Amino acid sequence: MATSRLEAKFLFLWRCLDGPPLEREYRFHPDRKWRADFAHLPSHTLIEIEGGTWVAGRHNRGSGFMKDAEKYLEAALGGWRVIRLTERQLDAEWIERVRDYCVRSGRDLP
């Protein structure tokens, strides 16, 4: 799948801040074809870049919103932490906090 403008911005900041390796388009559910934009496996954290916030896109319509809620619920029930980032959160301060969270949480897990 092609990288969106927002995903590219996230990756640029992640790399500039020396973030740990991430899996792209990670299929986290054993039965469904859901994929997360990024996954940090050691901390069991999924990172979703939420685009189309100000347009009537798929994620903002009723059915799309409900499908996303189901996806995130299944991720949480499967033991994943889900971090959702909007365009406003794609800056060095927020990404650094997410990076630190992943690193810190990855050390806590066996």
N, C-alpha and C. Protein backbone atom coordinates (compact mmCIF):
# COMPACT_ATOMS: atom_id res chain seq x y z
N MET A 1 0.85 -1.18 0.00
CA MET A 1 0.00 0.00 0.00
C MET A 1 0.90 1.24 0.00
N ALA A 2 0.47 2.25 -0.71
CA ALA A 2 1.23 3.49 -0.82
C ALA A 2 1.25 4.24 0.50
N THR A 3 2.34 4.93 0.74
CA THR A 3 2.47 5.72 1.95
C THR A 3 1.75 7.05 1.75
N SER A 4 0.88 7.40 2.69
CA SER A 4 0.18 8.67 2.62
C SER A 4 1.13 9.80 3.02
N ARG A 5 0.74 11.01 2.72
CA ARG A 5 1.53 12.18 3.10
C ARG A 5 1.73 12.22 4.61
N LEU A 6 0.69 11.92 5.37
CA LEU A 6 0.81 11.96 6.84
C LEU A 6 1.68 10.83 7.36
N GLU A 7 1.58 9.65 6.77
CA GLU A 7 2.45 8.54 7.18
C GLU A 7 3.91 8.87 6.88
N ALA A 8 4.14 9.50 5.73
CA ALA A 8 5.51 9.89 5.37
C ALA A 8 6.06 10.91 6.37
N LYS A 9 5.21 11.84 6.79
CA LYS A 9 5.65 12.84 7.78
C LYS A 9 5.97 12.16 9.11
N PHE A 10 5.11 11.23 9.52
CA PHE A 10 5.35 10.49 10.76
C PHE A 10 6.69 9.75 10.68
N LEU A 11 6.90 9.02 9.58
CA LEU A 11 8.14 8.26 9.43
C LEU A 11 9.37 9.15 9.43
N PHE A 12 9.28 10.30 8.78
CA PHE A 12 10.40 11.24 8.77
C PHE A 12 10.75 11.67 10.19
N LEU A 13 9.73 12.07 10.96
CA LEU A 13 9.97 12.49 12.34
C LEU A 13 10.48 11.33 13.18
N TRP A 14 9.90 10.16 13.01
CA TRP A 14 10.30 8.96 13.76
C TRP A 14 11.78 8.68 13.55
N ARG A 15 12.20 8.74 12.29
CA ARG A 15 13.60 8.48 11.97
C ARG A 15 14.52 9.59 12.49
N CYS A 16 14.09 10.84 12.36
CA CYS A 16 14.88 11.97 12.88
C CYS A 16 15.10 11.86 14.38
N LEU A 17 14.10 11.31 15.07
CA LEU A 17 14.17 11.16 16.53
C LEU A 17 14.75 9.80 16.93
N ASP A 18 15.29 9.08 15.97
CA ASP A 18 15.94 7.80 16.23
C ASP A 18 14.98 6.81 16.88
N GLY A 19 13.75 6.75 16.35
CA GLY A 19 12.78 5.80 16.87
C GLY A 19 13.17 4.36 16.55
N PRO A 20 12.75 3.42 17.38
CA PRO A 20 13.09 2.02 17.15
C PRO A 20 12.37 1.49 15.90
N PRO A 21 12.79 0.34 15.40
CA PRO A 21 12.17 -0.22 14.20
C PRO A 21 10.67 -0.45 14.37
N LEU A 22 9.95 -0.17 13.29
CA LEU A 22 8.51 -0.39 13.24
C LEU A 22 8.19 -1.30 12.06
N GLU A 23 7.13 -2.08 12.21
CA GLU A 23 6.60 -2.86 11.10
C GLU A 23 5.54 -2.01 10.40
N ARG A 24 5.56 -2.01 9.08
CA ARG A 24 4.57 -1.26 8.30
C ARG A 24 3.41 -2.17 7.93
N GLU A 25 2.21 -1.60 7.89
CA GLU A 25 1.01 -2.34 7.47
C GLU A 25 0.94 -3.70 8.15
N TYR A 26 1.00 -3.67 9.47
CA TYR A 26 1.10 -4.90 10.26
C TYR A 26 -0.27 -5.53 10.47
N ARG A 27 -0.38 -6.78 10.08
CA ARG A 27 -1.63 -7.52 10.27
C ARG A 27 -1.63 -8.11 11.69
N PHE A 28 -2.44 -7.53 12.56
CA PHE A 28 -2.39 -7.85 13.98
C PHE A 28 -3.43 -8.87 14.42
N HIS A 29 -4.41 -9.15 13.59
CA HIS A 29 -5.50 -10.05 13.97
C HIS A 29 -5.36 -11.37 13.23
N PRO A 30 -5.55 -12.50 13.92
CA PRO A 30 -5.32 -13.80 13.27
C PRO A 30 -6.35 -14.15 12.19
N ASP A 31 -7.56 -13.61 12.28
CA ASP A 31 -8.61 -13.99 11.35
C ASP A 31 -9.01 -12.88 10.38
N ARG A 32 -9.03 -11.66 10.86
CA ARG A 32 -9.45 -10.53 10.03
C ARG A 32 -8.26 -9.99 9.25
N LYS A 33 -8.54 -9.29 8.18
CA LYS A 33 -7.46 -8.74 7.34
C LYS A 33 -7.05 -7.33 7.77
N TRP A 34 -7.44 -6.94 8.98
CA TRP A 34 -7.07 -5.61 9.47
C TRP A 34 -5.56 -5.45 9.52
N ARG A 35 -5.13 -4.25 9.22
CA ARG A 35 -3.72 -3.90 9.33
C ARG A 35 -3.61 -2.57 10.06
N ALA A 36 -2.57 -2.45 10.83
CA ALA A 36 -2.26 -1.17 11.48
C ALA A 36 -1.21 -0.48 10.63
N ASP A 37 -1.23 0.84 10.62
CA ASP A 37 -0.25 1.58 9.84
C ASP A 37 1.17 1.20 10.26
N PHE A 38 1.39 1.15 11.58
CA PHE A 38 2.71 0.82 12.11
C PHE A 38 2.52 -0.03 13.38
N ALA A 39 3.49 -0.88 13.63
CA ALA A 39 3.48 -1.68 14.87
C ALA A 39 4.89 -1.71 15.45
N HIS A 40 4.96 -1.46 16.74
CA HIS A 40 6.21 -1.65 17.48
C HIS A 40 6.03 -2.95 18.25
N LEU A 41 6.63 -4.00 17.75
CA LEU A 41 6.38 -5.35 18.29
C LEU A 41 6.84 -5.55 19.72
N PRO A 42 8.04 -5.06 20.13
CA PRO A 42 8.46 -5.30 21.51
C PRO A 42 7.50 -4.75 22.56
N SER A 43 6.84 -3.65 22.28
CA SER A 43 5.91 -3.07 23.26
C SER A 43 4.47 -3.44 22.96
N HIS A 44 4.25 -4.19 21.89
CA HIS A 44 2.89 -4.59 21.48
C HIS A 44 2.01 -3.34 21.28
N THR A 45 2.56 -2.37 20.54
CA THR A 45 1.89 -1.10 20.30
C THR A 45 1.60 -0.91 18.82
N LEU A 46 0.36 -0.59 18.51
CA LEU A 46 -0.04 -0.24 17.16
C LEU A 46 -0.14 1.27 17.06
N ILE A 47 0.33 1.83 15.96
CA ILE A 47 0.25 3.27 15.74
C ILE A 47 -0.56 3.50 14.46
N GLU A 48 -1.65 4.22 14.61
CA GLU A 48 -2.51 4.53 13.49
C GLU A 48 -2.43 6.02 13.20
N ILE A 49 -2.23 6.37 11.94
CA ILE A 49 -2.21 7.76 11.51
C ILE A 49 -3.58 8.04 10.92
N GLU A 50 -4.32 8.90 11.60
CA GLU A 50 -5.71 9.18 11.22
C GLU A 50 -5.77 10.38 10.28
N GLY A 51 -6.00 10.11 9.03
CA GLY A 51 -6.12 11.17 8.04
C GLY A 51 -7.57 11.54 7.80
N GLY A 52 -7.78 12.54 6.97
CA GLY A 52 -9.13 12.94 6.59
C GLY A 52 -9.97 13.48 7.72
N THR A 53 -9.33 14.09 8.69
CA THR A 53 -10.05 14.58 9.87
C THR A 53 -11.08 15.65 9.52
N TRP A 54 -10.76 16.50 8.56
CA TRP A 54 -11.61 17.65 8.25
C TRP A 54 -12.44 17.48 6.98
N VAL A 55 -12.42 16.28 6.42
CA VAL A 55 -13.24 16.01 5.24
C VAL A 55 -14.19 14.87 5.58
N ALA A 56 -15.21 14.75 4.80
CA ALA A 56 -16.19 13.68 5.05
C ALA A 56 -15.68 12.37 4.45
N GLY A 57 -14.54 11.92 4.93
CA GLY A 57 -13.92 10.69 4.44
C GLY A 57 -14.49 9.46 5.11
N ARG A 58 -13.97 8.32 4.72
CA ARG A 58 -14.46 7.03 5.20
C ARG A 58 -14.44 6.93 6.72
N HIS A 59 -13.39 7.44 7.36
CA HIS A 59 -13.27 7.29 8.81
C HIS A 59 -14.23 8.18 9.59
N ASN A 60 -14.79 9.19 8.94
CA ASN A 60 -15.68 10.12 9.63
C ASN A 60 -17.15 9.83 9.38
N ARG A 61 -17.45 8.96 8.48
CA ARG A 61 -18.85 8.57 8.24
C ARG A 61 -19.24 7.49 9.24
N GLY A 62 -20.52 7.38 9.50
CA GLY A 62 -21.01 6.44 10.51
C GLY A 62 -20.48 5.03 10.36
N SER A 63 -20.63 4.43 9.18
CA SER A 63 -20.22 3.04 9.00
C SER A 63 -18.71 2.88 9.12
N GLY A 64 -17.95 3.82 8.57
CA GLY A 64 -16.49 3.75 8.67
C GLY A 64 -16.02 3.92 10.09
N PHE A 65 -16.65 4.84 10.82
CA PHE A 65 -16.31 5.06 12.22
C PHE A 65 -16.57 3.80 13.03
N MET A 66 -17.72 3.16 12.77
CA MET A 66 -18.06 1.94 13.51
C MET A 66 -17.09 0.81 13.19
N LYS A 67 -16.66 0.69 11.93
CA LYS A 67 -15.70 -0.34 11.56
C LYS A 67 -14.35 -0.09 12.22
N ASP A 68 -13.94 1.18 12.28
CA ASP A 68 -12.68 1.51 12.97
C ASP A 68 -12.78 1.18 14.46
N ALA A 69 -13.93 1.49 15.07
CA ALA A 69 -14.11 1.19 16.50
C ALA A 69 -14.01 -0.32 16.74
N GLU A 70 -14.59 -1.12 15.85
CA GLU A 70 -14.49 -2.58 15.98
C GLU A 70 -13.03 -3.03 15.86
N LYS A 71 -12.31 -2.47 14.90
CA LYS A 71 -10.90 -2.81 14.69
C LYS A 71 -10.08 -2.48 15.93
N TYR A 72 -10.26 -1.29 16.48
CA TYR A 72 -9.48 -0.88 17.66
C TYR A 72 -9.87 -1.67 18.90
N LEU A 73 -11.14 -2.02 19.03
CA LEU A 73 -11.57 -2.85 20.15
C LEU A 73 -10.93 -4.24 20.07
N GLU A 74 -10.95 -4.84 18.88
CA GLU A 74 -10.33 -6.16 18.71
C GLU A 74 -8.83 -6.11 18.98
N ALA A 75 -8.20 -5.02 18.56
CA ALA A 75 -6.77 -4.87 18.84
C ALA A 75 -6.52 -4.84 20.35
N ALA A 76 -7.31 -4.04 21.05
CA ALA A 76 -7.15 -3.93 22.51
C ALA A 76 -7.44 -5.26 23.20
N LEU A 77 -8.49 -5.95 22.76
CA LEU A 77 -8.81 -7.25 23.36
C LEU A 77 -7.74 -8.29 23.05
N GLY A 78 -7.00 -8.08 21.98
CA GLY A 78 -5.90 -8.97 21.63
C GLY A 78 -4.59 -8.60 22.31
N GLY A 79 -4.64 -7.63 23.22
CA GLY A 79 -3.46 -7.27 23.98
C GLY A 79 -2.61 -6.16 23.38
N TRP A 80 -3.10 -5.51 22.35
CA TRP A 80 -2.36 -4.41 21.73
C TRP A 80 -2.73 -3.08 22.35
N ARG A 81 -1.76 -2.20 22.47
CA ARG A 81 -2.02 -0.80 22.81
C ARG A 81 -2.18 -0.09 21.47
N VAL A 82 -3.18 0.75 21.37
CA VAL A 82 -3.43 1.46 20.11
C VAL A 82 -3.23 2.95 20.34
N ILE A 83 -2.31 3.53 19.57
CA ILE A 83 -2.08 4.97 19.62
C ILE A 83 -2.56 5.54 18.30
N ARG A 84 -3.50 6.48 18.38
CA ARG A 84 -4.06 7.11 17.19
C ARG A 84 -3.55 8.55 17.13
N LEU A 85 -2.94 8.89 16.01
CA LEU A 85 -2.37 10.22 15.84
C LEU A 85 -3.07 10.95 14.69
N THR A 86 -3.44 12.19 14.94
CA THR A 86 -4.00 13.04 13.90
C THR A 86 -2.89 13.93 13.34
N GLU A 87 -3.21 14.65 12.29
CA GLU A 87 -2.21 15.52 11.66
C GLU A 87 -1.61 16.51 12.66
N ARG A 88 -2.41 17.03 13.55
CA ARG A 88 -1.91 18.00 14.54
C ARG A 88 -0.89 17.39 15.50
N GLN A 89 -0.91 16.11 15.65
CA GLN A 89 0.02 15.45 16.57
C GLN A 89 1.29 14.98 15.87
N LEU A 90 1.41 15.26 14.59
CA LEU A 90 2.61 14.86 13.86
C LEU A 90 3.65 15.97 13.94
N ASP A 91 4.17 16.14 15.14
CA ASP A 91 5.29 17.06 15.35
C ASP A 91 6.28 16.38 16.29
N ALA A 92 7.45 16.95 16.37
CA ALA A 92 8.54 16.30 17.10
C ALA A 92 8.19 16.03 18.57
N GLU A 93 7.49 16.95 19.21
CA GLU A 93 7.16 16.77 20.63
C GLU A 93 6.29 15.53 20.85
N TRP A 94 5.23 15.37 20.06
CA TRP A 94 4.34 14.23 20.23
C TRP A 94 5.03 12.92 19.83
N ILE A 95 5.73 12.95 18.70
CA ILE A 95 6.37 11.73 18.21
C ILE A 95 7.46 11.27 19.20
N GLU A 96 8.16 12.22 19.78
CA GLU A 96 9.16 11.87 20.79
C GLU A 96 8.52 11.17 21.98
N ARG A 97 7.35 11.65 22.39
CA ARG A 97 6.65 11.02 23.51
C ARG A 97 6.20 9.61 23.16
N VAL A 98 5.71 9.43 21.93
CA VAL A 98 5.29 8.09 21.49
C VAL A 98 6.51 7.17 21.43
N ARG A 99 7.61 7.66 20.89
CA ARG A 99 8.85 6.89 20.83
C ARG A 99 9.27 6.45 22.23
N ASP A 100 9.29 7.39 23.16
CA ASP A 100 9.70 7.07 24.53
C ASP A 100 8.77 6.05 25.17
N TYR A 101 7.48 6.18 24.90
CA TYR A 101 6.51 5.22 25.42
C TYR A 101 6.79 3.82 24.89
N CYS A 102 7.02 3.71 23.59
CA CYS A 102 7.30 2.40 22.99
C CYS A 102 8.56 1.78 23.58
N VAL A 103 9.61 2.57 23.68
CA VAL A 103 10.87 2.06 24.23
C VAL A 103 10.69 1.62 25.68
N ARG A 104 10.06 2.48 26.47
CA ARG A 104 9.83 2.17 27.89
C ARG A 104 8.95 0.92 28.05
N SER A 105 7.87 0.85 27.27
CA SER A 105 6.94 -0.27 27.38
C SER A 105 7.54 -1.58 26.87
N GLY A 106 8.38 -1.47 25.86
CA GLY A 106 9.02 -2.66 25.32
C GLY A 106 9.95 -3.33 26.32
N ARG A 107 10.54 -2.52 27.18
CA ARG A 107 11.45 -3.07 28.22
C ARG A 107 10.66 -3.77 29.32
N ASP A 108 9.40 -3.36 29.52
CA ASP A 108 8.59 -3.92 30.60
C ASP A 108 8.05 -5.30 30.26
N LEU A 109 8.02 -5.63 28.98
CA LEU A 109 7.42 -6.90 28.57
C LEU A 109 8.47 -8.00 28.56
N PRO A 110 8.04 -9.23 28.82
CA PRO A 110 8.99 -10.36 28.79
C PRO A 110 9.49 -10.62 27.38
